[in-house]
Protein backbone atom coordinates (compact mmCIF):
# COMPACT_ATOMS: atom_id res chain seq x y z
CA MET A 1 -0.10 0.05 0.28
CA SER A 2 1.47 3.19 -1.37
CA ASN A 3 1.68 6.90 1.07
CA SER A 4 -0.22 8.93 -1.52
CA TYR A 5 -3.90 8.29 -0.42
CA SER A 6 -5.30 8.38 2.88
CA VAL A 7 -7.65 5.90 2.12
CA GLU A 8 -7.12 2.63 0.04
CA CYS A 9 -9.50 -0.13 -0.16
CA PHE A 10 -9.00 -3.76 -1.68
CA PRO A 11 -11.76 -5.63 -2.21
CA ARG A 12 -11.83 -9.16 -3.54
CA GLY A 13 -14.39 -10.95 -4.97
CA ALA A 14 -15.97 -15.01 -3.50
CA ASN A 15 -14.42 -15.48 -7.54
CA LYS A 16 -10.93 -15.23 -6.85
CA TYR A 17 -10.04 -15.62 -10.86
CA VAL A 18 -11.88 -11.92 -11.42
CA ARG A 19 -10.17 -9.42 -9.71
CA HIS A 20 -11.78 -6.02 -8.16
CA PRO A 21 -10.03 -3.06 -8.61
CA PRO A 22 -8.56 -1.33 -5.72
CA ILE A 23 -10.68 2.13 -4.80
CA ARG A 24 -8.43 5.25 -3.07
CA PHE A 25 -9.04 8.31 -2.03
CA ASN A 26 -8.30 11.60 0.32
CA ILE A 27 -10.03 12.33 3.26
CA GLY A 28 -10.78 16.21 3.31
CA SER A 29 -10.05 16.84 -0.44
CA ASP A 30 -11.94 14.50 -2.17
CA LEU A 31 -14.50 13.27 0.56
CA VAL A 32 -15.13 16.10 3.28
CA PHE A 33 -18.17 16.81 5.83
CA SER A 34 -20.01 19.12 6.60
CA LEU A 35 -22.17 20.17 9.95
CA ALA A 36 -25.24 22.89 10.33
CA GLY A 37 -26.88 22.89 12.74
CA PRO A 38 -25.81 23.40 16.43
CA ILE A 39 -24.15 20.11 18.73
CA GLY A 40 -22.53 20.60 21.80
CA PRO A 41 -20.77 22.69 23.43
CA ALA A 42 -17.27 20.50 23.56
CA GLY A 43 -17.79 20.49 20.11
CA LEU A 44 -16.48 17.44 17.74
CA SER A 45 -13.09 15.93 19.08
CA ASP A 46 -10.12 14.89 17.50
CA SER A 47 -11.43 11.08 17.45
CA ALA A 48 -14.64 12.20 16.78
CA ALA A 49 -14.11 13.23 13.42
CA ASP A 50 -12.33 10.71 13.17
CA LEU A 51 -14.96 7.70 13.72
CA LEU A 52 -16.69 10.05 11.61
CA ASP A 53 -14.07 10.32 8.53
CA PHE A 54 -14.19 6.34 9.42
CA ALA A 55 -17.24 5.91 8.95
CA GLY A 56 -18.24 7.84 5.43
CA ALA A 57 -14.95 5.76 3.90
CA ILE A 58 -16.52 2.89 4.14
CA TYR A 59 -20.29 4.22 3.04
CA GLN A 60 -18.31 6.23 0.47
CA ILE A 61 -15.95 2.68 -0.46
CA GLU A 62 -19.21 0.72 -0.71
CA ARG A 63 -20.64 2.54 -4.27
CA GLN A 64 -17.52 2.63 -5.63
CA PHE A 65 -17.40 -1.39 -5.69
CA ARG A 66 -17.60 -2.77 -8.99
CA GLY A 67 -18.01 -6.23 -10.65
CA ARG A 68 -21.61 -8.00 -10.79
CA GLN A 69 -22.26 -7.66 -6.37
CA ARG A 70 -24.43 -11.17 -7.02
CA THR A 71 -22.41 -13.78 -8.68
CA ASN A 72 -19.05 -12.49 -7.28
CA PRO A 73 -19.70 -10.57 -3.91
CA ILE A 74 -17.32 -9.27 -1.79
CA GLU A 75 -16.13 -11.44 0.89
CA GLN A 76 -12.80 -10.01 1.82
CA VAL A 77 -11.74 -6.37 2.24
CA SER A 78 -8.35 -4.98 3.38
CA LEU A 79 -8.67 -0.88 3.93
CA SER A 80 -5.35 1.43 4.87
CA ILE A 81 -6.60 5.01 6.59
CA THR A 82 -5.08 7.93 7.97
CA LEU A 83 -6.13 9.20 10.79
CA ARG A 84 -6.16 12.20 13.22
CA LYS A 85 -5.50 10.50 16.30
CA PRO A 86 -4.71 6.40 15.72
CA LYS A 87 -3.85 5.41 18.69
CA ALA A 88 -6.71 5.79 20.50
CA TRP A 89 -8.33 2.90 18.60
CA THR A 90 -7.34 -0.23 20.21
CA ASP A 91 -7.57 -3.09 20.05
CA GLY A 92 -10.77 -3.59 21.39
CA THR A 93 -12.09 -1.20 19.51
CA LEU A 94 -10.79 -2.54 15.78
CA THR A 95 -12.45 -5.09 17.06
CA SER A 96 -15.65 -4.04 17.35
CA VAL A 97 -15.42 -2.16 13.97
CA LYS A 98 -14.24 -5.25 12.31
CA ARG A 99 -18.06 -6.96 13.90
CA ILE A 100 -20.12 -4.44 12.44
CA LEU A 101 -18.13 -4.55 9.11
CA GLN A 102 -18.65 -8.39 8.41
CA LEU A 103 -22.72 -7.63 10.09
CA LEU A 104 -23.81 -5.55 7.60
CA GLY A 105 -21.45 -6.29 4.33
CA ASN A 106 -20.97 -10.47 5.22
CA ALA A 107 -17.18 -9.84 4.76
CA VAL A 108 -14.69 -9.37 6.24
CA TRP A 109 -12.57 -6.44 6.57
CA ASP A 110 -8.66 -6.92 7.57
CA VAL A 111 -8.15 -3.35 8.88
CA GLU A 112 -4.55 -1.14 8.75
CA LEU A 113 -4.98 2.96 10.99
CA LYS A 114 -2.09 5.83 9.59
CA SER A 115 -1.31 8.81 11.50
CA GLY A 116 -1.05 11.78 9.61
CA LEU A 117 -4.26 13.02 8.83
CA ARG A 118 -4.56 16.47 8.07
CA ALA A 119 -7.91 16.83 6.84
CA GLY A 120 -9.66 19.91 8.75
CA ILE A 121 -12.53 18.87 11.49
CA PRO A 122 -15.73 20.25 10.28
CA SER A 123 -16.92 23.33 11.84
CA THR A 124 -20.03 23.76 14.35
CA ASP A 125 -22.41 26.33 16.29
CA ARG A 126 -21.46 25.11 20.22
CA SER A 127 -24.78 25.46 22.12
CA LYS A 128 -25.53 26.82 25.73
CA PRO A 129 -27.13 24.99 27.56
CA PRO A 130 -29.60 23.54 28.69
CA ARG A 131 -27.54 20.00 27.89
CA CYS A 132 -28.40 17.39 25.96
CA THR A 133 -28.35 13.97 27.79
CA GLN A 134 -29.44 12.15 24.33
CA VAL A 135 -29.43 12.75 20.74
CA ALA A 136 -31.68 10.58 18.20
CA LEU A 137 -31.42 9.61 14.47
CA PHE A 138 -33.72 11.55 12.73
CA SER A 139 -33.82 10.80 8.88
CA GLY A 140 -37.41 12.13 7.83
CA GLY A 141 -38.98 9.11 7.50
CA MET A 142 -41.98 7.72 8.81
CA ASP A 143 -39.86 5.89 11.60
CA SER A 144 -37.86 8.92 12.85
CA THR A 145 -40.88 11.32 12.54
CA CYS A 146 -42.46 8.95 14.61
CA GLY A 147 -40.32 9.21 17.65
CA ALA A 148 -39.77 11.98 17.81
CA ALA A 149 -43.21 12.19 17.92
CA THR A 150 -43.48 10.07 21.52
CA CYS A 151 -40.10 12.19 22.53
CA ARG A 152 -41.68 15.36 22.85
CA ASP A 153 -41.22 15.95 26.00
CA GLU A 154 -38.06 15.30 26.49
CA ALA A 155 -37.32 18.15 23.24
CA GLU A 156 -35.08 20.44 25.68
CA ARG A 157 -32.57 17.58 26.27
CA THR A 158 -32.44 15.68 23.25
CA GLN A 159 -30.47 16.82 19.92
CA LEU A 160 -32.11 15.68 17.04
CA VAL A 161 -29.61 14.07 14.08
CA GLY A 162 -29.95 14.13 10.80
CA PHE A 163 -27.39 13.20 7.25
CA TYR A 164 -28.71 14.56 4.08
CA THR A 165 -28.77 14.16 0.14
CA ARG A 166 -32.36 16.32 -0.95
CA GLN A 167 -33.69 15.90 2.49
CA MET A 168 -32.03 18.87 4.34
CA THR A 169 -35.72 21.74 4.13
CA LEU A 170 -37.29 18.61 4.83
CA GLN A 171 -35.47 17.64 8.19
CA GLU A 172 -35.57 21.10 9.38
CA GLU A 173 -39.56 21.97 8.49
CA LEU A 174 -40.78 17.73 10.50
CA ALA A 175 -38.07 19.02 13.48
CA GLN A 176 -39.44 22.71 14.00
CA THR A 177 -43.39 21.23 13.95
CA LEU A 178 -42.40 18.64 16.38
CA GLY A 179 -41.22 21.37 18.35
CA PHE A 180 -37.17 20.71 18.86
CA LYS A 181 -34.40 23.34 18.59
CA ARG A 182 -31.56 21.07 18.25
CA LEU A 183 -30.83 20.01 14.94
CA ALA A 184 -27.46 18.98 13.61
CA GLN A 185 -27.36 17.59 9.85
CA CYS A 186 -24.33 16.06 7.62
CA ARG A 187 -23.90 16.43 4.68
CA MET A 188 -21.75 14.01 2.38
CA GLN A 189 -19.57 16.08 -0.54
CA TRP A 190 -17.61 13.09 -2.46
CA LYS A 191 -15.47 14.36 -4.98
CA GLY A 192 -14.21 11.17 -6.71
CA LYS A 193 -15.50 9.22 -9.84
CA PRO A 194 -19.92 8.60 -9.42
CA GLY A 195 -20.63 5.34 -7.29
CA LEU A 196 -20.93 2.60 -9.32
CA THR A 197 -23.13 0.67 -7.34
CA HIS A 198 -26.98 1.24 -5.38
CA SER A 199 -26.17 -1.03 -2.49
CA PHE A 200 -26.24 0.15 1.11
CA TYR A 201 -25.67 -2.34 3.94
CA TYR A 202 -22.83 0.07 5.58
CA ARG A 203 -25.00 3.46 5.60
CA SER A 204 -25.70 2.02 9.06
CA PHE A 205 -22.47 2.83 10.47
CA PHE A 206 -21.76 5.86 8.75
CA PHE A 207 -25.51 7.05 10.82
CA LEU A 208 -24.83 5.24 14.55
CA CYS A 209 -21.43 7.00 14.47
CA LEU A 210 -22.39 9.82 13.66
CA ALA A 211 -25.40 10.51 16.18
CA ALA A 212 -22.09 9.18 18.83
CA ALA A 213 -20.21 11.55 17.61
CA ILE A 214 -23.00 14.08 18.64
CA ALA A 215 -23.69 12.66 21.79
CA GLU A 216 -19.56 13.03 23.08
CA SER A 217 -19.43 17.23 22.01
CA TRP A 218 -22.44 16.83 24.98
CA GLU A 219 -20.85 14.03 26.54
CA ALA A 220 -24.28 12.11 26.37
CA ARG A 221 -24.03 8.68 26.25
CA ARG A 222 -27.36 7.59 24.75
CA ILE A 223 -27.84 7.33 21.75
CA LEU A 224 -31.81 6.57 20.40
CA GLN A 225 -32.55 5.30 16.83
CA PHE A 226 -36.39 4.21 15.77
CA GLU A 227 -36.85 1.68 13.55
CA ASN A 228 -40.27 -0.80 13.82
CA GLY A 229 -39.62 -4.31 14.64
CA VAL A 230 -40.62 -5.45 11.01
CA LEU A 231 -37.73 -4.27 9.35
CA ALA A 232 -35.01 -3.92 12.47
CA THR A 233 -34.80 -7.95 12.80
CA ALA A 234 -33.88 -7.83 9.21
CA VAL A 235 -35.80 -11.10 8.54
CA PRO A 236 -36.45 -11.07 5.16
CA PRO A 237 -39.79 -11.92 3.34
CA ALA A 238 -37.81 -15.13 1.27
CA PRO A 239 -34.51 -16.32 1.81
CA SER A 240 -33.28 -14.59 -0.96
CA TRP A 241 -33.49 -11.17 -0.06
CA ARG A 242 -30.71 -9.57 1.99
CA MET A 243 -31.73 -6.56 4.08
CA THR A 244 -29.85 -3.99 5.36
CA LYS A 245 -29.44 -4.08 8.79
CA HIS A 246 -30.23 -0.50 9.99
CA ALA A 247 -31.44 -1.03 13.08
CA HIS A 248 -30.83 -4.66 13.93
CA PRO A 249 -29.87 -4.92 18.16
CA LEU A 250 -26.87 -7.02 17.53
CA LEU A 251 -25.83 -3.98 15.34
CA HIS A 252 -26.69 -1.44 18.57
CA GLN A 253 -24.88 -4.31 20.67
CA TYR A 254 -21.00 -4.28 19.07
CA ALA A 255 -22.00 -0.62 18.85
CA THR A 256 -22.02 -0.22 21.81
CA ASP A 257 -18.39 -1.85 22.71
CA LEU A 258 -17.52 -0.01 20.15
CA PHE A 259 -17.96 3.84 21.47
CA GLY A 260 -17.06 2.66 24.92
CA SER A 261 -14.08 1.60 24.28
CA LEU A 262 -12.79 4.84 21.36
CA PHE A 263 -14.87 7.43 24.09
CA GLY A 264 -15.07 5.76 27.02
CA GLY A 265 -18.64 5.32 29.49
CA ARG A 266 -21.04 3.27 29.16
CA TRP A 267 -23.17 3.82 26.52
CA GLN A 268 -27.07 2.54 25.25
CA ILE A 269 -28.19 2.19 21.83
CA VAL A 270 -32.01 1.93 21.88
CA ASN A 271 -34.66 1.38 19.72
CA PRO A 272 -38.14 1.96 22.02
CA PHE A 273 -39.93 0.63 18.49
CA LEU A 274 -38.67 -2.95 18.43
CA HIS A 275 -42.01 -4.30 19.42
CA LEU A 276 -43.77 -2.52 17.15
CA THR A 277 -45.27 -3.37 13.61
CA LYS A 278 -45.45 0.41 11.32
CA ARG A 279 -49.05 0.51 12.30
CA GLN A 280 -48.68 0.38 15.76
CA CYS A 281 -45.25 3.04 15.85
CA LEU A 282 -48.14 5.31 14.28
CA ASP A 283 -50.64 4.82 16.90
CA ALA A 284 -47.47 5.22 19.80
CA ALA A 285 -47.03 8.59 17.85
CA ALA A 286 -50.61 9.29 17.22
CA ASN A 287 -51.08 8.99 21.18
CA SER A 288 -48.29 11.76 22.38
CA TYR A 289 -49.09 14.38 20.20
CA GLY A 290 -53.27 13.75 18.60
CA LYS A 291 -54.28 11.25 15.43
CA THR A 292 -55.28 14.70 12.98
CA GLU A 293 -52.41 16.30 13.30
CA LEU A 294 -49.54 13.79 13.19
CA TYR A 295 -50.83 12.39 9.55
CA LYS A 296 -50.12 16.05 8.15
CA ILE A 297 -46.33 15.79 9.17
CA ILE A 298 -46.59 12.05 8.39
CA ALA A 299 -48.07 12.78 4.99
CA LYS A 300 -44.70 14.48 4.50
CA THR A 301 -42.00 11.98 5.59
CA GLN A 302 -40.95 9.32 2.72
CA THR A 303 -40.07 5.82 3.29
CA CYS A 304 -39.50 4.89 -0.70
CA TRP A 305 -36.19 3.30 -1.46
CA TYR A 306 -36.23 5.00 -4.91
CA TYR A 307 -38.77 7.96 -4.73
CA THR A 308 -36.15 10.46 -5.84
CA SER A 309 -35.49 8.08 -8.65
CA ASN A 310 -37.27 7.57 -12.11
CA ARG A 311 -36.87 4.02 -12.11
CA ILE A 312 -38.01 0.74 -9.82
CA VAL A 313 -36.13 -2.43 -10.50
CA GLY A 314 -39.11 -3.99 -12.89
CA ALA A 315 -40.50 -0.27 -14.17
CA LEU A 316 -40.82 3.47 -14.84
CA LYS A 317 -41.94 5.38 -12.48
CA THR A 318 -42.25 9.04 -11.59
CA PRO A 319 -39.74 11.20 -9.55
CA ASN A 320 -40.62 11.90 -5.98
CA LYS A 321 -43.52 9.98 -5.51
CA ALA A 322 -43.09 6.29 -3.64
CA CYS A 323 -43.75 3.64 -5.68
CA GLY A 324 -45.36 1.38 -3.90
CA ALA A 325 -43.85 -1.95 -4.66
CA CYS A 326 -40.43 -1.88 -2.68
CA ILE A 327 -40.09 -3.57 0.81
CA PRO A 328 -39.86 -0.19 2.99
CA CYS A 329 -43.35 1.05 0.36
CA ILE A 330 -45.70 -2.21 1.35
CA VAL A 331 -44.88 -2.32 5.20
CA ARG A 332 -45.22 1.56 4.90
CA HIS A 333 -48.78 0.67 3.24
CA THR A 334 -49.49 -1.83 6.21
CA ALA A 335 -49.92 1.39 8.30
CA LEU A 336 -50.70 4.16 5.45
CA PRO A 337 -53.34 1.77 3.32
CA LYS A 338 -55.06 4.95 1.82
CA GLU A 339 -51.74 6.85 0.98
CA PRO A 340 -51.53 6.87 -3.23
CA THR A 341 -47.96 5.59 -4.37
CA VAL A 342 -46.99 5.28 -8.42
CA PHE A 343 -47.89 1.57 -8.38
CA ASP A 344 -50.79 -0.36 -6.50
CA LEU A 345 -50.64 -3.56 -5.12
CA ASP A 346 -54.33 -4.21 -4.69
CA GLN A 347 -54.12 -4.50 -8.07
CA ASP A 348 -53.63 -8.45 -9.01
CA LYS A 349 -52.01 -6.81 -12.35
CA ILE A 350 -49.14 -5.22 -10.68
CA ARG A 351 -48.90 -8.00 -8.26
CA ASN A 352 -49.23 -10.23 -10.95
CA LYS A 353 -45.75 -8.30 -12.59
CA ALA A 354 -42.70 -11.38 -12.24
CA VAL A 355 -40.18 -8.63 -10.43
CA LEU A 356 -42.69 -5.45 -9.64
CA GLY A 357 -44.57 -7.70 -7.13
CA ARG A 358 -42.03 -10.05 -6.73
CA ALA A 359 -42.11 -8.30 -2.46
CA PHE A 360 -45.41 -8.27 -1.96
CA ARG A 361 -46.06 -12.19 -3.32
CA SER A 362 -43.24 -13.41 -0.70
CA TYR A 363 -44.25 -10.88 2.00
CA PHE A 364 -47.96 -12.76 1.67
CA GLY A 365 -46.18 -16.25 1.53
CA VAL A 366 -44.36 -16.20 4.49
CA LEU A 367 -46.94 -13.99 6.98
CA ASP A 368 -49.50 -17.11 5.95
CA GLU A 369 -47.70 -18.84 7.60
CA VAL A 370 -47.67 -17.06 10.51
CA LEU A 371 -51.00 -16.55 10.82
CA ARG A 372 -50.87 -20.21 9.96
CA ALA A 373 -48.89 -21.28 12.84
CA LYS A 374 -50.64 -22.75 16.20
CA ASP A 375 -48.32 -22.12 19.34
CA LEU A 376 -44.98 -20.96 19.83
CA ASP A 377 -42.60 -24.27 18.36
CA SER A 378 -44.76 -23.91 14.73
CA PHE A 379 -43.80 -20.02 14.26
CA TYR A 380 -40.35 -21.04 15.40
CA GLU A 381 -40.61 -23.47 12.37
CA VAL A 382 -42.15 -21.14 9.91
CA LEU A 383 -39.61 -18.27 10.81
CA PRO A 384 -37.08 -17.25 8.68
CA ALA A 385 -33.49 -18.17 9.76
CA PRO A 386 -32.42 -13.88 10.41
CA GLY A 387 -34.89 -14.09 12.92
CA ARG A 388 -34.25 -16.75 14.68
CA MET A 389 -30.98 -16.13 14.81
CA VAL A 390 -32.31 -12.90 16.71
CA VAL A 391 -34.32 -14.94 19.77
CA ASP A 392 -31.57 -17.77 19.81
CA SER A 393 -28.83 -14.55 20.72
CA ASN A 394 -30.90 -12.85 23.34
CA LEU A 395 -31.13 -9.68 21.96
CA GLY A 396 -33.43 -7.99 23.41
CA ILE A 397 -36.85 -9.44 21.56
CA SER A 398 -38.19 -13.30 23.08
CA LEU A 399 -39.38 -16.02 20.23
CA ALA A 400 -43.08 -14.46 22.16
CA GLN A 401 -42.78 -11.65 21.25
CA MET A 402 -41.29 -11.86 18.29
CA HIS A 403 -43.99 -14.01 17.24
CA GLU A 404 -46.75 -11.00 18.95
CA LEU A 405 -44.99 -9.07 15.95
CA PHE A 406 -44.63 -10.93 12.99
CA HIS A 407 -48.69 -12.20 14.22
CA THR A 408 -49.54 -8.35 14.63
CA PHE A 409 -47.69 -7.69 11.44
CA ALA A 410 -48.69 -10.35 9.28
CA LYS A 411 -52.66 -9.24 10.64
CA GLU A 412 -52.02 -5.36 9.34
CA PHE A 413 -50.74 -7.34 5.46
CA MET A 414 -54.06 -8.81 4.90
CA ARG A 415 -56.38 -6.81 6.11
CA SER A 416 -54.68 -2.88 4.37
CA TYR A 417 -54.05 -5.61 1.19
CA ARG A 418 -57.66 -6.57 -0.77
CA HIS A 419 -57.47 -9.97 -1.99
């Protein structure tokens, strides 16, 4: 590995005879972060800035992966990265990082840290008292908005943290409407070659590291990340689906270890929605905020994977509208069945399209089996393997709670789609 780049990455695929090209870039020139809005009075420390740069580099590396990801997936990655204060990263810190990356991307990472990074630390506005004791990730999506609504009484001591590409104004409007005065928003500027892949398996690592960096500026040790349990447990609608682990309980466990190792103290990462369906998340927010006003706010939120795109896998679509056929749209439909989308899965002609209706048909199959399960043992047999792993690993949701979650979701699904 040369010394001319602050980031050098060598991915290797399952097929050793097909070479993945190396990925090289510089933090501070090719990859630049900016922060808007107030953070804690301590600002960003060198270690917090290093964590942000490291996680952002992983985010961008994934965007640069080439080759046939389905037939020759990345299995091993060698990464060399230059930081400001690498000595703060102990063996325990690196162990936690490697566990996180393997969990999210199904690849083994070998990480080499070097010293000498000269990139500037993002300038920030530093808040005055009262002190925030927790931070909450806030994307402008439905779950994070419902979550913010449920903790409005704690707005004075809660710092919202958002990452945006096009959602800056939306996040600001939603936070202000919900009564939160502190919203820190991060933007990533990439000045290298455009990304080549459309996968976002590692992105959640960056989001949590951003939250931790802002929490450290307050000397806070509590992070809230709101995601409904159906998606947070990463249970796929069929074995062929590979789910992102955006708020997975095991990711939270590993990230807690990472932040404690790097910053000290006892960290908590909490998903108050782990045991709730999307519909139940909406009901919990309505109980805190008021149903009529909340629904006006929720109508502005964005959930669809392909919201800004003019196409979805299997069809063309109208930009800046929810497709209705991707997994997040299907889960959202169980909470808001009357909300319009580009593709209406209530219609058989959409459900039966080979690619466009695949997620719907997969969910219908597994949820029908859930409803037929007569007891916990039979439910365990039909529960996809990722769900059994969560239960068996004692990650905060028992078999009985998982059954309640997916049995409720199955009933909501069948009610929301006419058949």
